[in-house]
Amino acid sequence: MLRILLVEDSPILQEMLAEMIDDIDGVELCGRATGEQEALACLNDSSIDLAIVDLELNEGSGLGVLKYVSECDNASSRPRAVVFSSYAHSVVRARCEALGAEAFFDKAQGMDELIDFVEQAAAEAA
């Protein structure tokens, strides 16, 4: 099973993504967070394989979540991370990549690509 943490501050978008993720075979949505501290607590308390991270959160920033993941001491247990955000500027993308984000999906156009990425990651984890 691919264990996922969804870090998204919009309740509507969070619910929609959660439903789409739940429909993917081999995937378990292990946590949801609307802010940075809540996301870090989920990462500490759960064994997460993939974090889907929005950059603008109710509290803190998705960049803080990416930084935390990138600084995980044990590389073998470090979750993968991708960004799902409206802030797709090249400078922001470069910052996310520098913090270890594997991919960046634009909220306006990239939901299908995000779901395809999760499906592929689940197939790789199987």
C-alpha atoms as a PDB file:
ATOM      1  CA  MET A   1       0.000   0.000   0.000  1.00  0.00           C
ATOM      2  CA  LEU A   2       1.137   3.516  -0.820  1.00  0.00           C
ATOM      3  CA  ARG A   3       0.436   5.623   2.284  1.00  0.00           C
ATOM      4  CA  ILE A   4      -0.397   9.256   1.485  1.00  0.00           C
ATOM      5  CA  LEU A   5      -0.557  12.474   3.472  1.00  0.00           C
ATOM      6  CA  LEU A   6      -2.643  15.231   1.865  1.00  0.00           C
ATOM      7  CA  VAL A   7      -1.628  18.752   2.907  1.00  0.00           C
ATOM      8  CA  GLU A   8      -4.274  21.139   1.562  1.00  0.00           C
ATOM      9  CA  ASP A   9      -6.020  24.060   3.265  1.00  0.00           C
ATOM     10  CA  SER A  10      -9.111  24.228   1.050  1.00  0.00           C
ATOM     11  CA  PRO A  11     -11.786  21.919   2.534  1.00  0.00           C
ATOM     12  CA  ILE A  12     -13.513  21.547  -0.850  1.00  0.00           C
ATOM     13  CA  LEU A  13     -10.323  20.702  -2.726  1.00  0.00           C
ATOM     14  CA  GLN A  14      -9.097  18.466   0.095  1.00  0.00           C
ATOM     15  CA  GLU A  15     -12.336  16.449   0.003  1.00  0.00           C
ATOM     16  CA  MET A  16     -12.310  16.196  -3.779  1.00  0.00           C
ATOM     17  CA  LEU A  17      -8.685  14.998  -3.836  1.00  0.00           C
ATOM     18  CA  ALA A  18      -9.309  12.578  -0.969  1.00  0.00           C
ATOM     19  CA  GLU A  19     -12.193  10.988  -2.892  1.00  0.00           C
ATOM     20  CA  MET A  20     -10.076  10.680  -6.039  1.00  0.00           C
ATOM     21  CA  ILE A  21      -7.162   9.193  -4.089  1.00  0.00           C
ATOM     22  CA  ASP A  22      -9.447   6.739  -2.284  1.00  0.00           C
ATOM     23  CA  ASP A  23     -10.546   5.382  -5.680  1.00  0.00           C
ATOM     24  CA  ILE A  24      -6.987   4.343  -6.588  1.00  0.00           C
ATOM     25  CA  ASP A  25      -6.103   0.713  -5.908  1.00  0.00           C
ATOM     26  CA  GLY A  26      -3.124   0.198  -3.637  1.00  0.00           C
ATOM     27  CA  VAL A  27      -3.404   3.603  -1.967  1.00  0.00           C
ATOM     28  CA  GLU A  28      -4.299   4.515   1.599  1.00  0.00           C
ATOM     29  CA  LEU A  29      -4.952   8.109   2.623  1.00  0.00           C
ATOM     30  CA  CYS A  30      -3.307   8.090   6.065  1.00  0.00           C
ATOM     31  CA  GLY A  31      -3.698  11.732   6.970  1.00  0.00           C
ATOM     32  CA  ARG A  32      -4.927  15.169   6.067  1.00  0.00           C
ATOM     33  CA  ALA A  33      -3.543  18.486   7.205  1.00  0.00           C
ATOM     34  CA  THR A  34      -4.528  22.104   6.615  1.00  0.00           C
ATOM     35  CA  GLY A  35      -1.400  23.687   8.121  1.00  0.00           C
ATOM     36  CA  GLU A  36       2.332  23.152   8.439  1.00  0.00           C
ATOM     37  CA  GLN A  37       2.403  22.061  12.099  1.00  0.00           C
ATOM     38  CA  GLU A  38      -0.472  19.640  11.577  1.00  0.00           C
ATOM     39  CA  ALA A  39       1.365  18.172   8.561  1.00  0.00           C
ATOM     40  CA  LEU A  40       4.592  17.777  10.556  1.00  0.00           C
ATOM     41  CA  ALA A  41       2.682  16.020  13.336  1.00  0.00           C
ATOM     42  CA  CYS A  42       1.196  13.609  10.778  1.00  0.00           C
ATOM     43  CA  LEU A  43       4.634  12.942   9.324  1.00  0.00           C
ATOM     44  CA  ASN A  44       5.974  12.203  12.818  1.00  0.00           C
ATOM     45  CA  ASP A  45       3.064  10.005  13.872  1.00  0.00           C
ATOM     46  CA  SER A  46       2.525   7.991  10.700  1.00  0.00           C
ATOM     47  CA  SER A  47       4.531   6.042   8.210  1.00  0.00           C
ATOM     48  CA  ILE A  48       3.948   8.107   5.072  1.00  0.00           C
ATOM     49  CA  ASP A  49       5.219   7.158   1.618  1.00  0.00           C
ATOM     50  CA  LEU A  50       4.032  10.225  -0.303  1.00  0.00           C
ATOM     51  CA  ALA A  51       3.134  13.735   0.814  1.00  0.00           C
ATOM     52  CA  ILE A  52       1.014  15.840  -1.542  1.00  0.00           C
ATOM     53  CA  VAL A  53       1.686  19.408  -0.451  1.00  0.00           C
ATOM     54  CA  ASP A  54      -0.009  22.717  -1.198  1.00  0.00           C
ATOM     55  CA  LEU A  55       2.275  25.709  -0.664  1.00  0.00           C
ATOM     56  CA  GLU A  56      -0.205  28.190   0.801  1.00  0.00           C
ATOM     57  CA  LEU A  57      -1.668  26.779   4.014  1.00  0.00           C
ATOM     58  CA  ASN A  58      -3.874  28.003   6.865  1.00  0.00           C
ATOM     59  CA  GLU A  59      -0.793  28.081   9.079  1.00  0.00           C
ATOM     60  CA  GLY A  60       2.823  28.024   8.005  1.00  0.00           C
ATOM     61  CA  SER A  61       3.820  27.026   4.511  1.00  0.00           C
ATOM     62  CA  GLY A  62       4.149  23.996   2.307  1.00  0.00           C
ATOM     63  CA  LEU A  63       7.780  24.996   1.882  1.00  0.00           C
ATOM     64  CA  GLY A  64       8.239  24.256   5.593  1.00  0.00           C
ATOM     65  CA  VAL A  65       6.734  20.806   5.058  1.00  0.00           C
ATOM     66  CA  LEU A  66       9.072  20.153   2.115  1.00  0.00           C
ATOM     67  CA  LYS A  67      12.052  21.338   4.164  1.00  0.00           C
ATOM     68  CA  TYR A  68      11.121  18.984   6.998  1.00  0.00           C
ATOM     69  CA  VAL A  69      10.808  16.035   4.603  1.00  0.00           C
ATOM     70  CA  SER A  70      14.120  16.855   2.912  1.00  0.00           C
ATOM     71  CA  GLU A  71      15.897  16.941   6.272  1.00  0.00           C
ATOM     72  CA  CYS A  72      14.615  13.528   7.375  1.00  0.00           C
ATOM     73  CA  ASP A  73      17.627  11.698   8.834  1.00  0.00           C
ATOM     74  CA  ASN A  74      16.818   8.272   7.459  1.00  0.00           C
ATOM     75  CA  ALA A  75      16.763   8.392   3.666  1.00  0.00           C
ATOM     76  CA  SER A  76      15.144   4.950   3.440  1.00  0.00           C
ATOM     77  CA  SER A  77      12.120   6.085   5.451  1.00  0.00           C
ATOM     78  CA  ARG A  78      11.931   9.590   3.957  1.00  0.00           C
ATOM     79  CA  PRO A  79       8.584  10.099   2.220  1.00  0.00           C
ATOM     80  CA  ARG A  80       8.424  11.239  -1.346  1.00  0.00           C
ATOM     81  CA  ALA A  81       6.886  14.682  -1.826  1.00  0.00           C
ATOM     82  CA  VAL A  82       5.076  16.435  -4.636  1.00  0.00           C
ATOM     83  CA  VAL A  83       3.579  19.910  -4.789  1.00  0.00           C
ATOM     84  CA  PHE A  84       0.010  20.754  -5.837  1.00  0.00           C
ATOM     85  CA  SER A  85      -0.260  24.539  -5.911  1.00  0.00           C
ATOM     86  CA  SER A  86      -1.556  27.594  -7.743  1.00  0.00           C
ATOM     87  CA  TYR A  87       1.865  29.232  -7.455  1.00  0.00           C
ATOM     88  CA  ALA A  88       3.584  27.654 -10.452  1.00  0.00           C
ATOM     89  CA  HIS A  89       6.167  30.390 -11.094  1.00  0.00           C
ATOM     90  CA  SER A  90       9.572  29.107 -12.187  1.00  0.00           C
ATOM     91  CA  VAL A  91      11.266  30.522  -9.066  1.00  0.00           C
ATOM     92  CA  VAL A  92       8.770  28.740  -6.810  1.00  0.00           C
ATOM     93  CA  ARG A  93       9.158  25.505  -8.750  1.00  0.00           C
ATOM     94  CA  ALA A  94      12.949  25.722  -8.451  1.00  0.00           C
ATOM     95  CA  ARG A  95      12.683  26.265  -4.689  1.00  0.00           C
ATOM     96  CA  CYS A  96      10.410  23.234  -4.358  1.00  0.00           C
ATOM     97  CA  GLU A  97      12.809  21.098  -6.404  1.00  0.00           C
ATOM     98  CA  ALA A  98      15.710  22.267  -4.228  1.00  0.00           C
ATOM     99  CA  LEU A  99      13.724  21.028  -1.216  1.00  0.00           C
ATOM    100  CA  GLY A 100      13.294  17.615  -2.817  1.00  0.00           C
ATOM    101  CA  ALA A 101       9.862  17.812  -4.449  1.00  0.00           C
ATOM    102  CA  GLU A 102       9.721  15.172  -7.174  1.00  0.00           C
ATOM    103  CA  ALA A 103       7.064  16.957  -9.184  1.00  0.00           C
ATOM    104  CA  PHE A 104       5.021  20.142  -9.269  1.00  0.00           C
ATOM    105  CA  PHE A 105       1.382  20.096 -10.347  1.00  0.00           C
ATOM    106  CA  ASP A 106      -0.484  23.332 -11.091  1.00  0.00           C
ATOM    107  CA  LYS A 107      -3.945  23.363  -9.489  1.00  0.00           C
ATOM    108  CA  ALA A 108      -5.438  25.073 -12.549  1.00  0.00           C
ATOM    109  CA  GLN A 109      -4.341  22.401 -15.011  1.00  0.00           C
ATOM    110  CA  GLY A 110      -2.610  19.543 -13.250  1.00  0.00           C
ATOM    111  CA  MET A 111      -5.144  17.521 -11.253  1.00  0.00           C
ATOM    112  CA  ASP A 112      -5.259  14.700 -13.815  1.00  0.00           C
ATOM    113  CA  GLU A 113      -1.454  14.619 -13.923  1.00  0.00           C
ATOM    114  CA  LEU A 114      -1.332  14.459 -10.110  1.00  0.00           C
ATOM    115  CA  ILE A 115      -3.722  11.497 -10.062  1.00  0.00           C
ATOM    116  CA  ASP A 116      -1.671   9.808 -12.809  1.00  0.00           C
ATOM    117  CA  PHE A 117       1.450  10.329 -10.674  1.00  0.00           C
ATOM    118  CA  VAL A 118      -0.245   8.753  -7.628  1.00  0.00           C
ATOM    119  CA  GLU A 119      -1.441   5.794  -9.723  1.00  0.00           C
ATOM    120  CA  GLN A 120       2.104   5.259 -11.026  1.00  0.00           C
ATOM    121  CA  ALA A 121       3.588   5.543  -7.518  1.00  0.00           C
ATOM    122  CA  ALA A 122       1.041   2.991  -6.239  1.00  0.00           C
ATOM    123  CA  ALA A 123       1.969   0.608  -9.054  1.00  0.00           C
ATOM    124  CA  GLU A 124       5.677   1.011  -8.190  1.00  0.00           C
ATOM    125  CA  ALA A 125       4.951   0.344  -4.500  1.00  0.00           C
ATOM    126  CA  ALA A 126       3.015  -2.847  -5.242  1.00  0.00           C
END
